[in-house]
Amino acid sequence: MPLVIVTRNPRVVTDEVAKILGPFLQEEVARVLNVPSDKNARLTSENVEVRFRDVGPLDVGSGTLGIDILAGDHPALHAKACTLALANRIRAAVSREGLKLPSRCFEDDSFVCVMLVPSGFAIL
């Protein structure tokens, strides 16, 4: 179950934008990290959790928008390729699908990072 942690400057990435961005990220992360050939690695948007946090007064070096994705590793997935695919999908959605990310989100301090790590998951 991938976990997406979105760190945002709430003055730039407002609640209204976040309400659109969350479901969008669920869909896109599931699309990019899905491994259809492995029944244990198939993903749908319902399998992706998105959490938002605001940049706080104690944060150092935080930018306008940071999207960190933690997911289990799989031989069919490559972190760099997944990161580039997600970044491209986000950029394309702004112009094509009307994802209302302010232009400031595409400056040097915003990023997407995919971390594929050994992990375990169990329902309680």
PDB file of N, CA and C in Angstrom:
ATOM      1  N   MET A   1       0.848  -1.174   0.000  1.00  0.00           N
ATOM      2  CA  MET A   1       0.000   0.000   0.000  1.00  0.00           C
ATOM      3  C   MET A   1       0.892   1.233   0.000  1.00  0.00           C
ATOM      4  N   PRO A   2       1.028   1.906  -1.117  1.00  0.00           N
ATOM      5  CA  PRO A   2       1.863   3.115  -1.161  1.00  0.00           C
ATOM      6  C   PRO A   2       1.305   4.217  -0.262  1.00  0.00           C
ATOM      7  N   LEU A   3       2.222   4.954   0.305  1.00  0.00           N
ATOM      8  CA  LEU A   3       1.877   6.113   1.126  1.00  0.00           C
ATOM      9  C   LEU A   3       2.463   7.344   0.448  1.00  0.00           C
ATOM     10  N   VAL A   4       1.610   8.326   0.198  1.00  0.00           N
ATOM     11  CA  VAL A   4       2.029   9.580  -0.413  1.00  0.00           C
ATOM     12  C   VAL A   4       1.937  10.650   0.663  1.00  0.00           C
ATOM     13  N   ILE A   5       3.045  11.323   0.911  1.00  0.00           N
ATOM     14  CA  ILE A   5       3.076  12.415   1.883  1.00  0.00           C
ATOM     15  C   ILE A   5       3.331  13.702   1.113  1.00  0.00           C
ATOM     16  N   VAL A   6       2.339  14.579   1.133  1.00  0.00           N
ATOM     17  CA  VAL A   6       2.420  15.854   0.423  1.00  0.00           C
ATOM     18  C   VAL A   6       2.704  16.939   1.448  1.00  0.00           C
ATOM     19  N   THR A   7       3.845  17.581   1.305  1.00  0.00           N
ATOM     20  CA  THR A   7       4.191  18.716   2.159  1.00  0.00           C
ATOM     21  C   THR A   7       3.978  19.968   1.324  1.00  0.00           C
ATOM     22  N   ARG A   8       3.204  20.898   1.874  1.00  0.00           N
ATOM     23  CA  ARG A   8       2.819  22.061   1.068  1.00  0.00           C
ATOM     24  C   ARG A   8       2.940  23.346   1.858  1.00  0.00           C
ATOM     25  N   ASN A   9       3.177  24.416   1.126  1.00  0.00           N
ATOM     26  CA  ASN A   9       3.033  25.760   1.660  1.00  0.00           C
ATOM     27  C   ASN A   9       1.559  26.099   1.451  1.00  0.00           C
ATOM     28  N   PRO A  10       0.758  26.184   2.525  1.00  0.00           N
ATOM     29  CA  PRO A  10      -0.682  26.350   2.353  1.00  0.00           C
ATOM     30  C   PRO A  10      -1.093  27.700   1.774  1.00  0.00           C
ATOM     31  N   ARG A  11      -0.176  28.653   1.744  1.00  0.00           N
ATOM     32  CA  ARG A  11      -0.500  29.931   1.103  1.00  0.00           C
ATOM     33  C   ARG A  11      -0.448  29.804  -0.412  1.00  0.00           C
ATOM     34  N   VAL A  12       0.270  28.805  -0.897  1.00  0.00           N
ATOM     35  CA  VAL A  12       0.401  28.602  -2.346  1.00  0.00           C
ATOM     36  C   VAL A  12      -0.470  27.421  -2.792  1.00  0.00           C
ATOM     37  N   VAL A  13      -0.310  26.285  -2.131  1.00  0.00           N
ATOM     38  CA  VAL A  13      -1.111  25.101  -2.427  1.00  0.00           C
ATOM     39  C   VAL A  13      -2.249  25.089  -1.408  1.00  0.00           C
ATOM     40  N   THR A  14      -3.343  25.707  -1.771  1.00  0.00           N
ATOM     41  CA  THR A  14      -4.468  25.918  -0.862  1.00  0.00           C
ATOM     42  C   THR A  14      -5.238  24.622  -0.614  1.00  0.00           C
ATOM     43  N   ASP A  15      -6.156  24.668   0.336  1.00  0.00           N
ATOM     44  CA  ASP A  15      -7.007  23.512   0.604  1.00  0.00           C
ATOM     45  C   ASP A  15      -7.802  23.111  -0.631  1.00  0.00           C
ATOM     46  N   GLU A  16      -8.263  24.094  -1.389  1.00  0.00           N
ATOM     47  CA  GLU A  16      -9.037  23.798  -2.596  1.00  0.00           C
ATOM     48  C   GLU A  16      -8.192  23.016  -3.609  1.00  0.00           C
ATOM     49  N   VAL A  17      -6.946  23.412  -3.749  1.00  0.00           N
ATOM     50  CA  VAL A  17      -6.040  22.703  -4.658  1.00  0.00           C
ATOM     51  C   VAL A  17      -5.744  21.308  -4.107  1.00  0.00           C
ATOM     52  N   ALA A  18      -5.521  21.214  -2.796  1.00  0.00           N
ATOM     53  CA  ALA A  18      -5.216  19.926  -2.163  1.00  0.00           C
ATOM     54  C   ALA A  18      -6.360  18.934  -2.337  1.00  0.00           C
ATOM     55  N   LYS A  19      -7.589  19.403  -2.290  1.00  0.00           N
ATOM     56  CA  LYS A  19      -8.749  18.519  -2.455  1.00  0.00           C
ATOM     57  C   LYS A  19      -8.781  17.883  -3.841  1.00  0.00           C
ATOM     58  N   ILE A  20      -8.237  18.560  -4.821  1.00  0.00           N
ATOM     59  CA  ILE A  20      -8.144  18.016  -6.177  1.00  0.00           C
ATOM     60  C   ILE A  20      -6.883  17.163  -6.323  1.00  0.00           C
ATOM     61  N   LEU A  21      -5.798  17.622  -5.712  1.00  0.00           N
ATOM     62  CA  LEU A  21      -4.511  16.949  -5.838  1.00  0.00           C
ATOM     63  C   LEU A  21      -4.517  15.565  -5.198  1.00  0.00           C
ATOM     64  N   GLY A  22      -5.171  15.399  -4.054  1.00  0.00           N
ATOM     65  CA  GLY A  22      -5.181  14.109  -3.356  1.00  0.00           C
ATOM     66  C   GLY A  22      -5.706  12.970  -4.214  1.00  0.00           C
ATOM     67  N   PRO A  23      -6.947  13.063  -4.712  1.00  0.00           N
ATOM     68  CA  PRO A  23      -7.462  11.990  -5.569  1.00  0.00           C
ATOM     69  C   PRO A  23      -6.667  11.810  -6.865  1.00  0.00           C
ATOM     70  N   PHE A  24      -6.169  12.918  -7.408  1.00  0.00           N
ATOM     71  CA  PHE A  24      -5.336  12.834  -8.612  1.00  0.00           C
ATOM     72  C   PHE A  24      -4.098  11.984  -8.323  1.00  0.00           C
ATOM     73  N   LEU A  25      -3.440  12.240  -7.192  1.00  0.00           N
ATOM     74  CA  LEU A  25      -2.244  11.469  -6.840  1.00  0.00           C
ATOM     75  C   LEU A  25      -2.580  10.003  -6.579  1.00  0.00           C
ATOM     76  N   GLN A  26      -3.722   9.737  -5.975  1.00  0.00           N
ATOM     77  CA  GLN A  26      -4.125   8.339  -5.784  1.00  0.00           C
ATOM     78  C   GLN A  26      -4.164   7.611  -7.127  1.00  0.00           C
ATOM     79  N   GLU A  27      -4.816   8.214  -8.092  1.00  0.00           N
ATOM     80  CA  GLU A  27      -4.952   7.599  -9.417  1.00  0.00           C
ATOM     81  C   GLU A  27      -3.597   7.415 -10.099  1.00  0.00           C
ATOM     82  N   GLU A  28      -2.801   8.475 -10.095  1.00  0.00           N
ATOM     83  CA  GLU A  28      -1.535   8.440 -10.839  1.00  0.00           C
ATOM     84  C   GLU A  28      -0.502   7.531 -10.184  1.00  0.00           C
ATOM     85  N   VAL A  29      -0.424   7.550  -8.871  1.00  0.00           N
ATOM     86  CA  VAL A  29       0.524   6.661  -8.184  1.00  0.00           C
ATOM     87  C   VAL A  29       0.128   5.208  -8.436  1.00  0.00           C
ATOM     88  N   ALA A  30      -1.159   4.908  -8.358  1.00  0.00           N
ATOM     89  CA  ALA A  30      -1.610   3.539  -8.648  1.00  0.00           C
ATOM     90  C   ALA A  30      -1.273   3.153 -10.085  1.00  0.00           C
ATOM     91  N   ARG A  31      -1.447   4.069 -11.007  1.00  0.00           N
ATOM     92  CA  ARG A  31      -1.165   3.790 -12.417  1.00  0.00           C
ATOM     93  C   ARG A  31       0.331   3.522 -12.633  1.00  0.00           C
ATOM     94  N   VAL A  32       1.181   4.336 -12.048  1.00  0.00           N
ATOM     95  CA  VAL A  32       2.629   4.214 -12.281  1.00  0.00           C
ATOM     96  C   VAL A  32       3.233   3.019 -11.533  1.00  0.00           C
ATOM     97  N   LEU A  33       2.742   2.740 -10.323  1.00  0.00           N
ATOM     98  CA  LEU A  33       3.353   1.671  -9.516  1.00  0.00           C
ATOM     99  C   LEU A  33       2.654   0.315  -9.660  1.00  0.00           C
ATOM    100  N   ASN A  34       1.617   0.255 -10.452  1.00  0.00           N
ATOM    101  CA  ASN A  34       0.896  -0.993 -10.664  1.00  0.00           C
ATOM    102  C   ASN A  34       1.769  -1.991 -11.424  1.00  0.00           C
ATOM    103  N   VAL A  35       1.773  -3.242 -10.962  1.00  0.00           N
ATOM    104  CA  VAL A  35       2.474  -4.324 -11.656  1.00  0.00           C
ATOM    105  C   VAL A  35       1.412  -5.376 -12.001  1.00  0.00           C
ATOM    106  N   PRO A  36       0.770  -5.233 -13.167  1.00  0.00           N
ATOM    107  CA  PRO A  36      -0.351  -6.120 -13.505  1.00  0.00           C
ATOM    108  C   PRO A  36       0.016  -7.603 -13.573  1.00  0.00           C
ATOM    109  N   SER A  37       1.268  -7.901 -13.874  1.00  0.00           N
ATOM    110  CA  SER A  37       1.681  -9.300 -14.017  1.00  0.00           C
ATOM    111  C   SER A  37       1.861 -10.017 -12.682  1.00  0.00           C
ATOM    112  N   ASP A  38       1.793  -9.282 -11.570  1.00  0.00           N
ATOM    113  CA  ASP A  38       1.979  -9.863 -10.235  1.00  0.00           C
ATOM    114  C   ASP A  38       0.743  -9.556  -9.399  1.00  0.00           C
ATOM    115  N   LYS A  39      -0.036 -10.589  -9.086  1.00  0.00           N
ATOM    116  CA  LYS A  39      -1.287 -10.354  -8.351  1.00  0.00           C
ATOM    117  C   LYS A  39      -1.052  -9.704  -6.993  1.00  0.00           C
ATOM    118  N   ASN A  40       0.128  -9.848  -6.418  1.00  0.00           N
ATOM    119  CA  ASN A  40       0.432  -9.225  -5.126  1.00  0.00           C
ATOM    120  C   ASN A  40       0.904  -7.785  -5.270  1.00  0.00           C
ATOM    121  N   ALA A  41       1.111  -7.324  -6.492  1.00  0.00           N
ATOM    122  CA  ALA A  41       1.616  -5.957  -6.703  1.00  0.00           C
ATOM    123  C   ALA A  41       0.664  -5.136  -7.569  1.00  0.00           C
ATOM    124  N   ARG A  42      -0.552  -5.612  -7.753  1.00  0.00           N
ATOM    125  CA  ARG A  42      -1.548  -4.841  -8.496  1.00  0.00           C
ATOM    126  C   ARG A  42      -2.095  -3.744  -7.599  1.00  0.00           C
ATOM    127  N   LEU A  43      -2.269  -2.576  -8.175  1.00  0.00           N
ATOM    128  CA  LEU A  43      -2.753  -1.432  -7.404  1.00  0.00           C
ATOM    129  C   LEU A  43      -3.953  -0.786  -8.072  1.00  0.00           C
ATOM    130  N   THR A  44      -4.833  -0.289  -7.230  1.00  0.00           N
ATOM    131  CA  THR A  44      -5.893   0.609  -7.673  1.00  0.00           C
ATOM    132  C   THR A  44      -5.767   1.868  -6.814  1.00  0.00           C
ATOM    133  N   SER A  45      -6.494   2.890  -7.165  1.00  0.00           N
ATOM    134  CA  SER A  45      -6.403   4.134  -6.404  1.00  0.00           C
ATOM    135  C   SER A  45      -6.794   3.921  -4.944  1.00  0.00           C
ATOM    136  N   GLU A  46      -7.681   2.969  -4.664  1.00  0.00           N
ATOM    137  CA  GLU A  46      -8.091   2.705  -3.283  1.00  0.00           C
ATOM    138  C   GLU A  46      -6.950   2.164  -2.432  1.00  0.00           C
ATOM    139  N   ASN A  47      -5.898   1.651  -3.074  1.00  0.00           N
ATOM    140  CA  ASN A  47      -4.746   1.120  -2.347  1.00  0.00           C
ATOM    141  C   ASN A  47      -3.732   2.189  -1.972  1.00  0.00           C
ATOM    142  N   VAL A  48      -3.924   3.407  -2.435  1.00  0.00           N
ATOM    143  CA  VAL A  48      -2.946   4.481  -2.225  1.00  0.00           C
ATOM    144  C   VAL A  48      -3.477   5.452  -1.181  1.00  0.00           C
ATOM    145  N   GLU A  49      -2.693   5.657  -0.128  1.00  0.00           N
ATOM    146  CA  GLU A  49      -3.057   6.614   0.920  1.00  0.00           C
ATOM    147  C   GLU A  49      -2.300   7.921   0.675  1.00  0.00           C
ATOM    148  N   VAL A  50      -3.011   9.036   0.761  1.00  0.00           N
ATOM    149  CA  VAL A  50      -2.394  10.354   0.585  1.00  0.00           C
ATOM    150  C   VAL A  50      -2.596  11.149   1.867  1.00  0.00           C
ATOM    151  N   ARG A  51      -1.509  11.658   2.417  1.00  0.00           N
ATOM    152  CA  ARG A  51      -1.552  12.500   3.609  1.00  0.00           C
ATOM    153  C   ARG A  51      -0.954  13.858   3.280  1.00  0.00           C
ATOM    154  N   PHE A  52      -1.586  14.897   3.792  1.00  0.00           N
ATOM    155  CA  PHE A  52      -1.093  16.258   3.599  1.00  0.00           C
ATOM    156  C   PHE A  52      -0.550  16.793   4.913  1.00  0.00           C
ATOM    157  N   ARG A  53       0.531  17.537   4.814  1.00  0.00           N
ATOM    158  CA  ARG A  53       1.047  18.276   5.963  1.00  0.00           C
ATOM    159  C   ARG A  53       1.511  19.636   5.473  1.00  0.00           C
ATOM    160  N   ASP A  54       1.304  20.618   6.323  1.00  0.00           N
ATOM    161  CA  ASP A  54       1.718  21.983   6.004  1.00  0.00           C
ATOM    162  C   ASP A  54       3.150  22.211   6.461  1.00  0.00           C
ATOM    163  N   VAL A  55       3.884  23.010   5.710  1.00  0.00           N
ATOM    164  CA  VAL A  55       5.216  23.425   6.146  1.00  0.00           C
ATOM    165  C   VAL A  55       5.034  24.203   7.449  1.00  0.00           C
ATOM    166  N   GLY A  56       5.803  23.850   8.452  1.00  0.00           N
ATOM    167  CA  GLY A  56       5.676  24.485   9.761  1.00  0.00           C
ATOM    168  C   GLY A  56       6.837  25.398  10.085  1.00  0.00           C
ATOM    169  N   PRO A  57       6.721  26.113  11.184  1.00  0.00           N
ATOM    170  CA  PRO A  57       7.758  27.074  11.556  1.00  0.00           C
ATOM    171  C   PRO A  57       9.094  26.428  11.915  1.00  0.00           C
ATOM    172  N   LEU A  58       9.096  25.153  12.231  1.00  0.00           N
ATOM    173  CA  LEU A  58      10.337  24.469  12.584  1.00  0.00           C
ATOM    174  C   LEU A  58      10.976  23.742  11.402  1.00  0.00           C
ATOM    175  N   ASP A  59      10.272  23.683  10.284  1.00  0.00           N
ATOM    176  CA  ASP A  59      10.824  23.035   9.090  1.00  0.00           C
ATOM    177  C   ASP A  59      11.927  23.902   8.489  1.00  0.00           C
ATOM    178  N   VAL A  60      12.970  23.256   8.033  1.00  0.00           N
ATOM    179  CA  VAL A  60      14.101  23.960   7.415  1.00  0.00           C
ATOM    180  C   VAL A  60      14.261  23.438   5.997  1.00  0.00           C
ATOM    181  N   GLY A  61      14.372  24.343   5.049  1.00  0.00           N
ATOM    182  CA  GLY A  61      14.628  23.958   3.665  1.00  0.00           C
ATOM    183  C   GLY A  61      13.417  23.417   2.929  1.00  0.00           C
ATOM    184  N   SER A  62      12.234  23.602   3.481  1.00  0.00           N
ATOM    185  CA  SER A  62      11.030  23.109   2.808  1.00  0.00           C
ATOM    186  C   SER A  62      10.645  24.041   1.675  1.00  0.00           C
ATOM    187  N   GLY A  63      10.178  23.443   0.602  1.00  0.00           N
ATOM    188  CA  GLY A  63       9.781  24.239  -0.554  1.00  0.00           C
ATOM    189  C   GLY A  63       8.286  24.467  -0.604  1.00  0.00           C
ATOM    190  N   THR A  64       7.823  24.833  -1.767  1.00  0.00           N
ATOM    191  CA  THR A  64       6.418  25.105  -1.998  1.00  0.00           C
ATOM    192  C   THR A  64       5.591  23.829  -1.978  1.00  0.00           C
ATOM    193  N   LEU A  65       6.101  22.777  -2.631  1.00  0.00           N
ATOM    194  CA  LEU A  65       5.375  21.516  -2.734  1.00  0.00           C
ATOM    195  C   LEU A  65       6.372  20.368  -2.794  1.00  0.00           C
ATOM    196  N   GLY A  66       6.209  19.423  -1.891  1.00  0.00           N
ATOM    197  CA  GLY A  66       7.026  18.210  -1.897  1.00  0.00           C
ATOM    198  C   GLY A  66       6.114  17.004  -1.881  1.00  0.00           C
ATOM    199  N   ILE A  67       6.340  16.080  -2.790  1.00  0.00           N
ATOM    200  CA  ILE A  67       5.526  14.870  -2.865  1.00  0.00           C
ATOM    201  C   ILE A  67       6.459  13.673  -2.694  1.00  0.00           C
ATOM    202  N   ASP A  68       6.383  13.050  -1.515  1.00  0.00           N
ATOM    203  CA  ASP A  68       7.194  11.869  -1.205  1.00  0.00           C
ATOM    204  C   ASP A  68       6.300  10.642  -1.286  1.00  0.00           C
ATOM    205  N   ILE A  69       6.751   9.634  -2.001  1.00  0.00           N
ATOM    206  CA  ILE A  69       5.973   8.413  -2.167  1.00  0.00           C
ATOM    207  C   ILE A  69       6.804   7.247  -1.646  1.00  0.00           C
ATOM    208  N   LEU A  70       6.251   6.569  -0.661  1.00  0.00           N
ATOM    209  CA  LEU A  70       6.886   5.387  -0.086  1.00  0.00           C
ATOM    210  C   LEU A  70       6.103   4.167  -0.551  1.00  0.00           C
ATOM    211  N   ALA A  71       6.799   3.227  -1.159  1.00  0.00           N
ATOM    212  CA  ALA A  71       6.131   2.027  -1.657  1.00  0.00           C
ATOM    213  C   ALA A  71       7.084   0.846  -1.566  1.00  0.00           C
ATOM    214  N   GLY A  72       6.510  -0.340  -1.543  1.00  0.00           N
ATOM    215  CA  GLY A  72       7.331  -1.541  -1.525  1.00  0.00           C
ATOM    216  C   GLY A  72       8.091  -1.708  -2.826  1.00  0.00           C
ATOM    217  N   ASP A  73       9.283  -2.266  -2.692  1.00  0.00           N
ATOM    218  CA  ASP A  73      10.078  -2.481  -3.903  1.00  0.00           C
ATOM    219  C   ASP A  73       9.554  -3.700  -4.656  1.00  0.00           C
ATOM    220  N   HIS A  74       9.825  -3.722  -5.931  1.00  0.00           N
ATOM    221  CA  HIS A  74       9.418  -4.830  -6.792  1.00  0.00           C
ATOM    222  C   HIS A  74      10.395  -4.861  -7.961  1.00  0.00           C
ATOM    223  N   PRO A  75      10.805  -6.041  -8.389  1.00  0.00           N
ATOM    224  CA  PRO A  75      11.775  -6.118  -9.491  1.00  0.00           C
ATOM    225  C   PRO A  75      11.333  -5.406 -10.768  1.00  0.00           C
ATOM    226  N   ALA A  76      10.034  -5.279 -10.986  1.00  0.00           N
ATOM    227  CA  ALA A  76       9.534  -4.640 -12.213  1.00  0.00           C
ATOM    228  C   ALA A  76       9.518  -3.116 -12.120  1.00  0.00           C
ATOM    229  N   LEU A  77       9.766  -2.582 -10.922  1.00  0.00           N
ATOM    230  CA  LEU A  77       9.712  -1.125 -10.736  1.00  0.00           C
ATOM    231  C   LEU A  77      11.108  -0.552 -10.555  1.00  0.00           C
ATOM    232  N   HIS A  78      11.317   0.627 -11.085  1.00  0.00           N
ATOM    233  CA  HIS A  78      12.579   1.337 -10.931  1.00  0.00           C
ATOM    234  C   HIS A  78      12.260   2.743 -10.448  1.00  0.00           C
ATOM    235  N   ALA A  79      12.824   3.104  -9.310  1.00  0.00           N
ATOM    236  CA  ALA A  79      12.460   4.357  -8.640  1.00  0.00           C
ATOM    237  C   ALA A  79      12.624   5.579  -9.545  1.00  0.00           C
ATOM    238  N   LYS A  80      13.744   5.669 -10.249  1.00  0.00           N
ATOM    239  CA  LYS A  80      13.971   6.852 -11.087  1.00  0.00           C
ATOM    240  C   LYS A  80      12.929   6.947 -12.205  1.00  0.00           C
ATOM    241  N   ALA A  81      12.646   5.844 -12.856  1.00  0.00           N
ATOM    242  CA  ALA A  81      11.657   5.846 -13.936  1.00  0.00           C
ATOM    243  C   ALA A  81      10.269   6.194 -13.391  1.00  0.00           C
ATOM    244  N   CYS A  82       9.915   5.657 -12.229  1.00  0.00           N
ATOM    245  CA  CYS A  82       8.617   5.966 -11.618  1.00  0.00           C
ATOM    246  C   CYS A  82       8.537   7.442 -11.240  1.00  0.00           C
ATOM    247  N   THR A  83       9.619   7.986 -10.704  1.00  0.00           N
ATOM    248  CA  THR A  83       9.648   9.397 -10.318  1.00  0.00           C
ATOM    249  C   THR A  83       9.451  10.288 -11.542  1.00  0.00           C
ATOM    250  N   LEU A  84      10.180  10.003 -12.604  1.00  0.00           N
ATOM    251  CA  LEU A  84      10.054  10.811 -13.821  1.00  0.00           C
ATOM    252  C   LEU A  84       8.658  10.687 -14.422  1.00  0.00           C
ATOM    253  N   ALA A  85       8.098   9.484 -14.412  1.00  0.00           N
ATOM    254  CA  ALA A  85       6.751   9.290 -14.953  1.00  0.00           C
ATOM    255  C   ALA A  85       5.732  10.106 -14.166  1.00  0.00           C
ATOM    256  N   LEU A  86       5.822  10.093 -12.847  1.00  0.00           N
ATOM    257  CA  LEU A  86       4.880  10.866 -12.033  1.00  0.00           C
ATOM    258  C   LEU A  86       5.059  12.362 -12.234  1.00  0.00           C
ATOM    259  N   ALA A  87       6.302  12.821 -12.277  1.00  0.00           N
ATOM    260  CA  ALA A  87       6.551  14.255 -12.501  1.00  0.00           C
ATOM    261  C   ALA A  87       5.955  14.687 -13.846  1.00  0.00           C
ATOM    262  N   ASN A  88       6.146  13.875 -14.865  1.00  0.00           N
ATOM    263  CA  ASN A  88       5.599  14.203 -16.189  1.00  0.00           C
ATOM    264  C   ASN A  88       4.074  14.192 -16.184  1.00  0.00           C
ATOM    265  N   ARG A  89       3.467  13.254 -15.483  1.00  0.00           N
ATOM    266  CA  ARG A  89       2.003  13.187 -15.405  1.00  0.00           C
ATOM    267  C   ARG A  89       1.434  14.403 -14.676  1.00  0.00           C
ATOM    268  N   ILE A  90       2.125  14.837 -13.628  1.00  0.00           N
ATOM    269  CA  ILE A  90       1.665  16.027 -12.889  1.00  0.00           C
ATOM    270  C   ILE A  90       1.764  17.254 -13.780  1.00  0.00           C
ATOM    271  N   ARG A  91       2.909  17.426 -14.445  1.00  0.00           N
ATOM    272  CA  ARG A  91       3.071  18.583 -15.347  1.00  0.00           C
ATOM    273  C   ARG A  91       2.012  18.572 -16.444  1.00  0.00           C
ATOM    274  N   ALA A  92       1.766  17.412 -17.035  1.00  0.00           N
ATOM    275  CA  ALA A  92       0.794  17.311 -18.122  1.00  0.00           C
ATOM    276  C   ALA A  92      -0.621  17.599 -17.627  1.00  0.00           C
ATOM    277  N   ALA A  93      -0.940  17.158 -16.434  1.00  0.00           N
ATOM    278  CA  ALA A  93      -2.292  17.347 -15.901  1.00  0.00           C
ATOM    279  C   ALA A  93      -2.598  18.815 -15.651  1.00  0.00           C
ATOM    280  N   VAL A  94      -1.591  19.589 -15.328  1.00  0.00           N
ATOM    281  CA  VAL A  94      -1.811  21.016 -15.077  1.00  0.00           C
ATOM    282  C   VAL A  94      -2.307  21.687 -16.348  1.00  0.00           C
ATOM    283  N   SER A  95      -1.700  21.347 -17.468  1.00  0.00           N
ATOM    284  CA  SER A  95      -2.105  22.000 -18.709  1.00  0.00           C
ATOM    285  C   SER A  95      -3.300  21.313 -19.364  1.00  0.00           C
ATOM    286  N   ARG A  96      -3.361  19.989 -19.295  1.00  0.00           N
ATOM    287  CA  ARG A  96      -4.391  19.264 -20.034  1.00  0.00           C
ATOM    288  C   ARG A  96      -5.665  19.033 -19.217  1.00  0.00           C
ATOM    289  N   GLU A  97      -5.511  18.676 -17.947  1.00  0.00           N
ATOM    290  CA  GLU A  97      -6.669  18.275 -17.155  1.00  0.00           C
ATOM    291  C   GLU A  97      -7.139  19.348 -16.183  1.00  0.00           C
ATOM    292  N   GLY A  98      -6.490  20.491 -16.179  1.00  0.00           N
ATOM    293  CA  GLY A  98      -6.941  21.565 -15.319  1.00  0.00           C
ATOM    294  C   GLY A  98      -6.592  21.396 -13.852  1.00  0.00           C
ATOM    295  N   LEU A  99      -5.593  20.570 -13.536  1.00  0.00           N
ATOM    296  CA  LEU A  99      -5.124  20.463 -12.159  1.00  0.00           C
ATOM    297  C   LEU A  99      -4.579  21.833 -11.790  1.00  0.00           C
ATOM    298  N   LYS A 100      -5.172  22.492 -10.852  1.00  0.00           N
ATOM    299  CA  LYS A 100      -4.913  23.902 -10.602  1.00  0.00           C
ATOM    300  C   LYS A 100      -3.742  24.125  -9.654  1.00  0.00           C
ATOM    301  N   LEU A 101      -2.576  23.634 -10.032  1.00  0.00           N
ATOM    302  CA  LEU A 101      -1.374  23.912  -9.257  1.00  0.00           C
ATOM    303  C   LEU A 101      -0.816  25.260  -9.688  1.00  0.00           C
ATOM    304  N   PRO A 102      -0.560  26.152  -8.743  1.00  0.00           N
ATOM    305  CA  PRO A 102       0.010  27.452  -9.103  1.00  0.00           C
ATOM    306  C   PRO A 102       1.360  27.282  -9.799  1.00  0.00           C
ATOM    307  N   SER A 103       1.682  28.200 -10.692  1.00  0.00           N
ATOM    308  CA  SER A 103       2.941  28.112 -11.436  1.00  0.00           C
ATOM    309  C   SER A 103       4.137  28.075 -10.497  1.00  0.00           C
ATOM    310  N   ARG A 104       4.001  28.659  -9.321  1.00  0.00           N
ATOM    311  CA  ARG A 104       5.102  28.651  -8.352  1.00  0.00           C
ATOM    312  C   ARG A 104       5.492  27.222  -7.949  1.00  0.00           C
ATOM    313  N   CYS A 105       4.584  26.268  -8.131  1.00  0.00           N
ATOM    314  CA  CYS A 105       4.880  24.875  -7.797  1.00  0.00           C
ATOM    315  C   CYS A 105       5.890  24.254  -8.752  1.00  0.00           C
ATOM    316  N   PHE A 106       6.187  24.940  -9.842  1.00  0.00           N
ATOM    317  CA  PHE A 106       7.103  24.390 -10.831  1.00  0.00           C
ATOM    318  C   PHE A 106       8.424  25.139 -10.839  1.00  0.00           C
ATOM    319  N   GLU A 107       8.743  25.717  -9.691  1.00  0.00           N
ATOM    320  CA  GLU A 107      10.041  26.354  -9.519  1.00  0.00           C
ATOM    321  C   GLU A 107      10.983  25.349  -8.879  1.00  0.00           C
ATOM    322  N   ASP A 108      12.184  25.791  -8.568  1.00  0.00           N
ATOM    323  CA  ASP A 108      13.230  24.885  -8.106  1.00  0.00           C
ATOM    324  C   ASP A 108      12.976  24.203  -6.767  1.00  0.00           C
ATOM    325  N   ASP A 109      12.025  24.699  -5.983  1.00  0.00           N
ATOM    326  CA  ASP A 109      11.878  24.144  -4.642  1.00  0.00           C
ATOM    327  C   ASP A 109      10.759  23.111  -4.514  1.00  0.00           C
ATOM    328  N   SER A 110      10.147  22.690  -5.595  1.00  0.00           N
ATOM    329  CA  SER A 110       9.099  21.669  -5.559  1.00  0.00           C
ATOM    330  C   SER A 110       9.622  20.390  -6.190  1.00  0.00           C
ATOM    331  N   PHE A 111       9.119  19.243  -5.697  1.00  0.00           N
ATOM    332  CA  PHE A 111       9.675  17.974  -6.183  1.00  0.00           C
ATOM    333  C   PHE A 111       8.699  16.821  -5.998  1.00  0.00           C
ATOM    334  N   VAL A 112       9.017  15.729  -6.674  1.00  0.00           N
ATOM    335  CA  VAL A 112       8.403  14.414  -6.482  1.00  0.00           C
ATOM    336  C   VAL A 112       9.546  13.457  -6.200  1.00  0.00           C
ATOM    337  N   CYS A 113       9.378  12.607  -5.196  1.00  0.00           N
ATOM    338  CA  CYS A 113      10.403  11.623  -4.858  1.00  0.00           C
ATOM    339  C   CYS A 113       9.727  10.280  -4.620  1.00  0.00           C
ATOM    340  N   VAL A 114      10.134   9.260  -5.349  1.00  0.00           N
ATOM    341  CA  VAL A 114       9.600   7.911  -5.159  1.00  0.00           C
ATOM    342  C   VAL A 114      10.684   7.074  -4.488  1.00  0.00           C
ATOM    343  N   MET A 115      10.322   6.496  -3.355  1.00  0.00           N
ATOM    344  CA  MET A 115      11.238   5.607  -2.623  1.00  0.00           C
ATOM    345  C   MET A 115      10.638   4.212  -2.603  1.00  0.00           C
ATOM    346  N   LEU A 116      11.283   3.288  -3.288  1.00  0.00           N
ATOM    347  CA  LEU A 116      10.852   1.899  -3.315  1.00  0.00           C
ATOM    348  C   LEU A 116      11.741   1.136  -2.341  1.00  0.00           C
ATOM    349  N   VAL A 117      11.154   0.643  -1.271  1.00  0.00           N
ATOM    350  CA  VAL A 117      11.930   0.053  -0.193  1.00  0.00           C
ATOM    351  C   VAL A 117      11.337  -1.281   0.236  1.00  0.00           C
ATOM    352  N   PRO A 118      12.177  -2.171   0.765  1.00  0.00           N
ATOM    353  CA  PRO A 118      11.613  -3.396   1.324  1.00  0.00           C
ATOM    354  C   PRO A 118      10.627  -3.008   2.431  1.00  0.00           C
ATOM    355  N   SER A 119       9.470  -3.633   2.413  1.00  0.00           N
ATOM    356  CA  SER A 119       8.480  -3.248   3.408  1.00  0.00           C
ATOM    357  C   SER A 119       7.512  -4.408   3.639  1.00  0.00           C
ATOM    358  N   GLY A 120       6.708  -4.248   4.648  1.00  0.00           N
ATOM    359  CA  GLY A 120       5.652  -5.196   4.945  1.00  0.00           C
ATOM    360  C   GLY A 120       4.379  -4.439   5.274  1.00  0.00           C
ATOM    361  N   PHE A 121       3.250  -5.094   5.118  1.00  0.00           N
ATOM    362  CA  PHE A 121       1.964  -4.448   5.391  1.00  0.00           C
ATOM    363  C   PHE A 121       1.010  -5.522   5.881  1.00  0.00           C
ATOM    364  N   ALA A 122       0.290  -5.218   6.943  1.00  0.00           N
ATOM    365  CA  ALA A 122      -0.709  -6.142   7.456  1.00  0.00           C
ATOM    366  C   ALA A 122      -1.911  -5.359   7.962  1.00  0.00           C
ATOM    367  N   ILE A 123      -3.078  -5.829   7.657  1.00  0.00           N
ATOM    368  CA  ILE A 123      -4.314  -5.222   8.148  1.00  0.00           C
ATOM    369  C   ILE A 123      -4.468  -5.627   9.619  1.00  0.00           C
ATOM    370  N   LEU A 124      -4.815  -4.672  10.461  1.00  0.00           N
ATOM    371  CA  LEU A 124      -5.046  -4.966  11.882  1.00  0.00           C
ATOM    372  C   LEU A 124      -6.482  -5.360  12.111  1.00  0.00           C
TER     373      LEU A 124
END
